[in-house]
Amino acid sequence: MGDRIVGAAARDVDLNLLVALDVLLDECSVSAAADRLGLSAPAMSRTLARIRTAFADPILVRSGRSMVPTPRAEAVHAEVKALLDRSRALFAEGRPVDPARLDRTFTVIANDLLAGTLATRLLPRLRQTAPGVTVVLLSEGPHPDDLVLREGTADLEVRVITAPAPETRIEPLLVDEMVAVVRPGHPLTPGPLTPAALAGALHVTPSRRGRLRGPLDDALEAVGLRRRVVAAMPTFASALQLVAASDLVSQVPARTGAPLVAALGLVPLPIPLPLPPIDISMGWHPRNDNDPAQRWFRRQVRSALSGLAWAPPGR
């Protein structure tokens, strides 16, 4: 009798509904989910109705002009995504990845400098070797990035990882160092930069959280100096655009910032103070450890940034 019950339960479960549920909760839109799955809107609506029946829950409800997930849907989304990821890995284990036939979207969290570096170094290679691969680069948001990895919103984070979740897998990628950046002809450019001259300039700092203080302030105060920060900008790019149009000074990581500094025609200046190194790492959730496509993509990211690897000289 037990076997008959198990058999009946298995026949009643349609695992394709989990795929549809995952996409619906990602998009919070029937039409957008239909586009991703290659279905018509009516077919997607019928699938949502089946999901609602299976879960005995509305799953998505109307809120103004948009749809929002119910608490039940939010509670199961991460579990559904993890189950689907593991299922794909089971079928793919032992099967080599053919980049030319790979049809996947990979999502990476990175700041604007790293996103630009990855885009310029990674995407041309993928267009040649893996034309079916799409890369989505997300900016660092207000939510902890390890939570984004846990929920499956992103596959990778490439950044300075200071307090990861216990389960996050981490691989160091490169070490960078901050440099000061000014416009051509700036009063600081004629001679070697000194701590006093750096402190005497007006500064704009890149900070997505609006912080006005950083390691440079600690280094200046250690030699009895203070600087004046007149603005905080949400990205490196916006800070450097302001630098290009003014006498303000900003900072960027020397290696990952080099392409943008060059594109804007700015001048990098070594900072004559001991600053902590910038350790850039790659982090991912352990459910992606053995997925062949994920492992292949991590190799591509590692390779794209390998030419930037550099250890700052001792002072």
Protein backbone atom coordinates (compact mmCIF):
# COMPACT_ATOMS: atom_id res chain seq x y z
CA MET A 1 0.00 0.00 0.00
CA GLY A 2 2.87 2.33 0.84
CA ASP A 3 4.22 1.87 -2.70
CA ARG A 4 0.83 2.76 -4.19
CA ILE A 5 0.69 5.96 -2.13
CA VAL A 6 4.20 6.99 -3.22
CA GLY A 7 3.37 6.23 -6.84
CA ALA A 8 0.18 8.27 -6.73
CA ALA A 9 2.00 11.21 -5.13
CA ALA A 10 4.71 11.12 -7.80
CA ARG A 11 2.12 11.13 -10.58
CA ASP A 12 0.43 14.17 -9.02
CA VAL A 13 3.65 16.22 -8.96
CA ASP A 14 4.65 18.16 -12.08
CA LEU A 15 8.18 19.41 -11.58
CA ASN A 16 7.72 21.79 -14.52
CA LEU A 17 5.50 23.81 -12.20
CA LEU A 18 8.55 24.51 -10.04
CA VAL A 19 10.38 25.94 -13.04
CA ALA A 20 7.41 28.17 -13.80
CA LEU A 21 7.07 29.17 -10.14
CA ASP A 22 10.73 30.16 -9.98
CA VAL A 23 10.42 32.37 -13.06
CA LEU A 24 7.14 33.90 -11.92
CA LEU A 25 8.65 34.86 -8.57
CA ASP A 26 11.75 36.26 -10.27
CA GLU A 27 9.69 38.43 -12.59
CA CYS A 28 6.52 39.09 -10.53
CA SER A 29 4.81 39.36 -13.88
CA VAL A 30 2.84 36.80 -15.88
CA SER A 31 3.76 38.37 -19.22
CA ALA A 32 7.48 38.65 -18.39
CA ALA A 33 7.52 35.06 -17.13
CA ALA A 34 5.77 33.94 -20.32
CA ASP A 35 8.45 35.66 -22.40
CA ARG A 36 11.25 33.96 -20.50
CA LEU A 37 9.67 30.53 -20.83
CA GLY A 38 8.58 30.97 -24.44
CA LEU A 39 4.89 30.62 -23.60
CA SER A 40 1.85 32.69 -24.46
CA ALA A 41 0.37 34.89 -21.75
CA PRO A 42 -2.81 32.75 -21.53
CA ALA A 43 -0.71 29.59 -21.15
CA MET A 44 1.31 31.24 -18.39
CA SER A 45 -1.89 32.31 -16.65
CA ARG A 46 -3.14 28.72 -16.74
CA THR A 47 0.18 27.55 -15.29
CA LEU A 48 -0.11 30.08 -12.48
CA ALA A 49 -3.60 28.77 -11.75
CA ARG A 50 -2.19 25.23 -11.48
CA ILE A 51 0.56 26.46 -9.16
CA ARG A 52 -2.01 28.19 -6.96
CA THR A 53 -4.00 24.97 -6.73
CA ALA A 54 -0.90 22.88 -5.97
CA PHE A 55 0.26 25.21 -3.20
CA ALA A 56 -3.22 26.18 -1.98
CA ASP A 57 -2.00 29.79 -2.06
CA PRO A 58 -2.46 32.75 -4.44
CA ILE A 59 1.37 32.94 -4.93
CA LEU A 60 1.15 36.34 -6.71
CA VAL A 61 -1.43 39.00 -5.88
CA ARG A 62 -2.22 42.34 -7.48
CA SER A 63 -0.79 45.45 -5.77
CA GLY A 64 -1.64 48.56 -7.76
CA ARG A 65 -0.32 48.02 -11.27
CA SER A 66 2.14 45.31 -10.27
CA MET A 67 2.04 41.88 -8.67
CA VAL A 68 3.74 40.92 -5.43
CA PRO A 69 4.49 37.50 -3.94
CA THR A 70 2.55 36.24 -0.96
CA PRO A 71 4.41 35.36 2.27
CA ARG A 72 4.06 31.68 1.36
CA ALA A 73 5.65 32.32 -2.04
CA GLU A 74 8.51 34.29 -0.50
CA ALA A 75 9.09 31.50 2.02
CA VAL A 76 9.46 28.78 -0.63
CA HIS A 77 11.25 30.72 -3.38
CA ALA A 78 14.80 30.10 -2.17
CA GLU A 79 14.04 26.41 -1.60
CA VAL A 80 12.50 26.04 -5.06
CA LYS A 81 15.48 27.74 -6.69
CA ALA A 82 17.93 25.55 -4.78
CA LEU A 83 16.00 22.42 -5.75
CA LEU A 84 16.04 23.39 -9.43
CA ASP A 85 19.75 24.23 -9.32
CA ARG A 86 20.52 20.87 -7.72
CA SER A 87 18.31 19.05 -10.23
CA ARG A 88 20.14 20.67 -13.15
CA ALA A 89 23.48 19.77 -11.56
CA LEU A 90 22.40 16.12 -11.18
CA PHE A 91 21.64 15.81 -14.87
CA ALA A 92 24.76 17.72 -15.85
CA GLU A 93 27.33 16.03 -13.59
CA GLY A 94 30.03 14.35 -15.57
CA ARG A 95 28.87 15.99 -18.79
CA PRO A 96 31.44 18.40 -20.26
CA VAL A 97 30.25 21.91 -21.02
CA ASP A 98 30.18 22.86 -24.67
CA PRO A 99 30.41 26.68 -24.59
CA ALA A 100 29.29 26.94 -28.21
CA ARG A 101 25.97 25.28 -27.31
CA LEU A 102 25.54 26.72 -23.82
CA ASP A 103 22.34 28.74 -23.37
CA ARG A 104 22.51 30.32 -19.91
CA THR A 105 22.28 33.66 -18.15
CA PHE A 106 24.79 34.36 -15.40
CA THR A 107 24.26 37.21 -12.93
CA VAL A 108 27.21 38.91 -11.21
CA ILE A 109 27.22 41.52 -8.43
CA ALA A 110 30.06 44.05 -8.79
CA ASN A 111 30.72 47.74 -8.40
CA ASP A 112 30.78 49.90 -11.50
CA LEU A 113 34.56 49.65 -11.99
CA LEU A 114 34.65 45.87 -11.76
CA ALA A 115 31.50 45.59 -13.87
CA GLY A 116 33.12 47.70 -16.57
CA THR A 117 36.35 45.71 -16.41
CA LEU A 118 34.49 42.41 -16.64
CA ALA A 119 32.34 43.66 -19.49
CA THR A 120 35.28 44.82 -21.58
CA ARG A 121 37.48 41.79 -20.89
CA LEU A 122 34.88 39.00 -20.67
CA LEU A 123 32.09 39.78 -23.11
CA PRO A 124 34.16 39.90 -26.32
CA ARG A 125 35.54 36.47 -25.51
CA LEU A 126 32.08 35.07 -24.80
CA ARG A 127 30.72 36.43 -28.06
CA GLN A 128 33.33 34.35 -29.85
CA THR A 129 33.25 31.14 -27.80
CA ALA A 130 29.82 31.09 -26.11
CA PRO A 131 27.34 33.18 -28.14
CA GLY A 132 24.34 31.78 -26.23
CA VAL A 133 25.60 33.05 -22.87
CA THR A 134 24.17 36.27 -21.41
CA VAL A 135 25.82 38.13 -18.52
CA VAL A 136 23.82 40.38 -16.19
CA LEU A 137 25.95 42.72 -14.07
CA LEU A 138 24.17 44.06 -10.99
CA SER A 139 25.40 46.93 -8.84
CA GLU A 140 25.97 46.38 -5.16
CA GLY A 141 22.62 47.04 -3.53
CA PRO A 142 21.33 47.82 -0.05
CA HIS A 143 20.79 44.15 0.79
CA PRO A 144 23.65 41.91 1.97
CA ASP A 145 25.19 40.26 -1.08
CA ASP A 146 25.40 36.87 0.65
CA LEU A 147 21.60 36.98 1.01
CA VAL A 148 21.32 37.67 -2.72
CA LEU A 149 23.54 34.63 -3.36
CA ARG A 150 21.50 32.49 -0.96
CA GLU A 151 18.25 33.47 -2.66
CA GLY A 152 19.73 32.79 -6.09
CA THR A 153 19.23 36.33 -7.40
CA ALA A 154 22.91 36.31 -8.40
CA ASP A 155 25.38 33.56 -9.26
CA LEU A 156 28.54 35.39 -8.27
CA GLU A 157 29.73 38.41 -6.36
CA VAL A 158 33.04 39.98 -7.38
CA ARG A 159 34.11 42.54 -4.80
CA VAL A 160 35.88 43.09 -1.49
CA ILE A 161 34.22 40.41 0.64
CA THR A 162 34.65 41.32 4.29
CA ALA A 163 31.92 39.48 6.23
CA PRO A 164 30.57 36.60 4.12
CA ALA A 165 27.89 34.17 5.22
CA PRO A 166 29.39 30.96 6.65
CA GLU A 167 28.35 28.92 3.62
CA THR A 168 29.69 31.32 0.96
CA ARG A 169 32.53 29.90 -1.13
CA ILE A 170 35.29 32.48 -1.65
CA GLU A 171 38.20 32.58 -4.08
CA PRO A 172 40.72 35.46 -4.09
CA LEU A 173 41.13 37.01 -7.53
CA LEU A 174 43.42 40.03 -7.32
CA VAL A 175 44.97 42.63 -5.06
CA ASP A 176 44.66 46.29 -5.98
CA GLU A 177 45.83 49.60 -4.50
CA MET A 178 44.21 53.02 -4.29
CA VAL A 179 45.60 55.95 -6.27
CA ALA A 180 44.54 59.57 -6.32
CA VAL A 181 43.02 60.87 -9.55
CA VAL A 182 42.94 64.45 -10.90
CA ARG A 183 42.26 66.21 -14.19
CA PRO A 184 45.16 67.07 -16.54
CA GLY A 185 46.80 70.33 -15.53
CA HIS A 186 45.59 70.06 -11.93
CA PRO A 187 47.76 71.98 -9.41
CA LEU A 188 48.85 68.62 -7.89
CA THR A 189 50.33 67.27 -11.13
CA PRO A 190 53.63 69.20 -11.53
CA GLY A 191 55.61 67.42 -8.81
CA PRO A 192 55.52 64.32 -6.58
CA LEU A 193 52.36 64.21 -4.48
CA THR A 194 52.97 64.85 -0.77
CA PRO A 195 50.63 64.04 2.14
CA ALA A 196 50.29 67.76 2.90
CA ALA A 197 49.38 68.62 -0.69
CA LEU A 198 46.87 65.77 -0.80
CA ALA A 199 45.27 66.92 2.46
CA GLY A 200 45.13 70.51 1.21
CA ALA A 201 43.02 69.62 -1.84
CA LEU A 202 39.23 69.32 -1.93
CA HIS A 203 37.98 65.75 -2.34
CA VAL A 204 35.01 63.85 -3.79
CA THR A 205 34.62 60.31 -2.52
CA PRO A 206 32.85 57.41 -4.28
CA SER A 207 30.52 55.67 -1.83
CA ARG A 208 27.27 53.88 -2.57
CA ARG A 209 26.29 54.38 1.09
CA GLY A 210 27.23 58.08 1.16
CA ARG A 211 30.17 57.65 3.52
CA LEU A 212 32.47 60.66 3.75
CA ARG A 213 35.30 58.92 5.60
CA GLY A 214 37.61 56.09 4.60
CA PRO A 215 41.10 54.59 5.04
CA LEU A 216 42.74 57.69 3.52
CA ASP A 217 41.44 59.77 6.43
CA ASP A 218 43.01 57.37 8.93
CA ALA A 219 46.34 57.51 7.07
CA LEU A 220 46.31 61.32 6.95
CA GLU A 221 45.39 61.66 10.62
CA ALA A 222 48.27 59.32 11.52
CA VAL A 223 50.63 62.05 10.25
CA GLY A 224 48.64 64.90 11.76
CA LEU A 225 46.66 65.91 8.67
CA ARG A 226 42.98 66.11 7.71
CA ARG A 227 41.28 66.49 4.35
CA ARG A 228 38.05 68.18 3.30
CA VAL A 229 35.51 65.99 1.48
CA VAL A 230 32.97 68.20 -0.26
CA ALA A 231 30.86 65.50 -1.95
CA ALA A 232 30.08 61.79 -1.98
CA MET A 233 28.98 60.16 -5.24
CA PRO A 234 27.24 56.78 -5.62
CA THR A 235 29.71 55.30 -8.13
CA PHE A 236 33.34 55.65 -9.16
CA ALA A 237 32.23 56.78 -12.62
CA SER A 238 30.15 59.67 -11.28
CA ALA A 239 32.97 60.77 -8.95
CA LEU A 240 35.50 60.71 -11.79
CA GLN A 241 33.21 62.70 -14.07
CA LEU A 242 33.14 65.39 -11.41
CA VAL A 243 36.94 65.22 -11.13
CA ALA A 244 37.27 65.68 -14.90
CA ALA A 245 35.28 68.93 -14.70
CA SER A 246 36.83 70.47 -11.59
CA ASP A 247 39.86 70.73 -9.32
CA LEU A 248 38.50 68.03 -7.01
CA VAL A 249 40.54 64.93 -6.17
CA SER A 250 39.16 61.40 -5.93
CA GLN A 251 40.51 57.87 -5.49
CA VAL A 252 40.18 54.69 -7.52
CA PRO A 253 41.75 51.23 -7.40
CA ALA A 254 44.78 51.44 -9.67
CA ARG A 255 44.23 48.30 -11.75
CA THR A 256 40.47 47.99 -12.02
CA GLY A 257 40.11 51.76 -12.38
CA ALA A 258 42.74 52.16 -15.10
CA PRO A 259 40.36 51.76 -18.10
CA LEU A 260 37.94 54.41 -16.84
CA VAL A 261 40.74 56.77 -15.81
CA ALA A 262 42.24 56.46 -19.29
CA ALA A 263 38.87 56.87 -21.02
CA LEU A 264 38.25 60.14 -19.17
CA GLY A 265 41.79 61.37 -19.77
CA LEU A 266 42.52 61.70 -16.05
CA VAL A 267 45.87 61.53 -14.27
CA PRO A 268 46.52 58.87 -11.58
CA LEU A 269 48.87 59.86 -8.76
CA PRO A 270 50.45 57.43 -6.28
CA ILE A 271 49.29 58.13 -2.73
CA PRO A 272 52.35 58.68 -0.49
CA LEU A 273 50.77 57.02 2.53
CA PRO A 274 50.35 53.38 3.66
CA LEU A 275 46.82 52.28 2.78
CA PRO A 276 45.35 48.81 3.22
CA PRO A 277 45.38 46.66 0.07
CA ILE A 278 42.15 46.07 -1.82
CA ASP A 279 41.52 42.32 -1.88
CA ILE A 280 39.05 41.44 -4.64
CA SER A 281 37.46 38.00 -4.37
CA MET A 282 34.81 35.93 -6.09
CA GLY A 283 32.01 34.50 -3.94
CA TRP A 284 29.22 32.03 -4.71
CA HIS A 285 26.69 29.82 -2.96
CA PRO A 286 27.74 26.18 -2.42
CA ARG A 287 24.78 24.87 -4.43
CA ASN A 288 26.69 26.10 -7.50
CA ASP A 289 29.90 24.31 -6.57
CA ASN A 290 29.57 21.35 -8.92
CA ASP A 291 27.31 22.69 -11.64
CA PRO A 292 29.47 22.34 -14.78
CA ALA A 293 28.16 25.53 -16.37
CA GLN A 294 28.74 27.52 -13.18
CA ARG A 295 32.26 26.12 -12.85
CA TRP A 296 32.94 27.00 -16.47
CA PHE A 297 31.68 30.55 -15.94
CA ARG A 298 33.82 31.02 -12.83
CA ARG A 299 36.84 30.02 -14.92
CA GLN A 300 35.91 32.69 -17.46
CA VAL A 301 35.66 35.37 -14.77
CA ARG A 302 38.94 34.23 -13.23
CA SER A 303 40.65 34.36 -16.60
CA ALA A 304 39.20 37.77 -17.46
CA LEU A 305 40.66 39.29 -14.31
CA SER A 306 43.90 37.30 -14.19
CA GLY A 307 45.79 39.90 -16.21
CA LEU A 308 44.95 42.46 -13.51
CA ALA A 309 46.40 40.40 -10.66
CA TRP A 310 49.05 42.44 -8.91
CA ALA A 311 50.56 42.66 -5.43
CA PRO A 312 51.36 46.21 -4.29
CA PRO A 313 55.05 46.79 -3.58
CA GLY A 314 56.08 47.05 0.03
CA ARG A 315 56.69 50.50 1.41
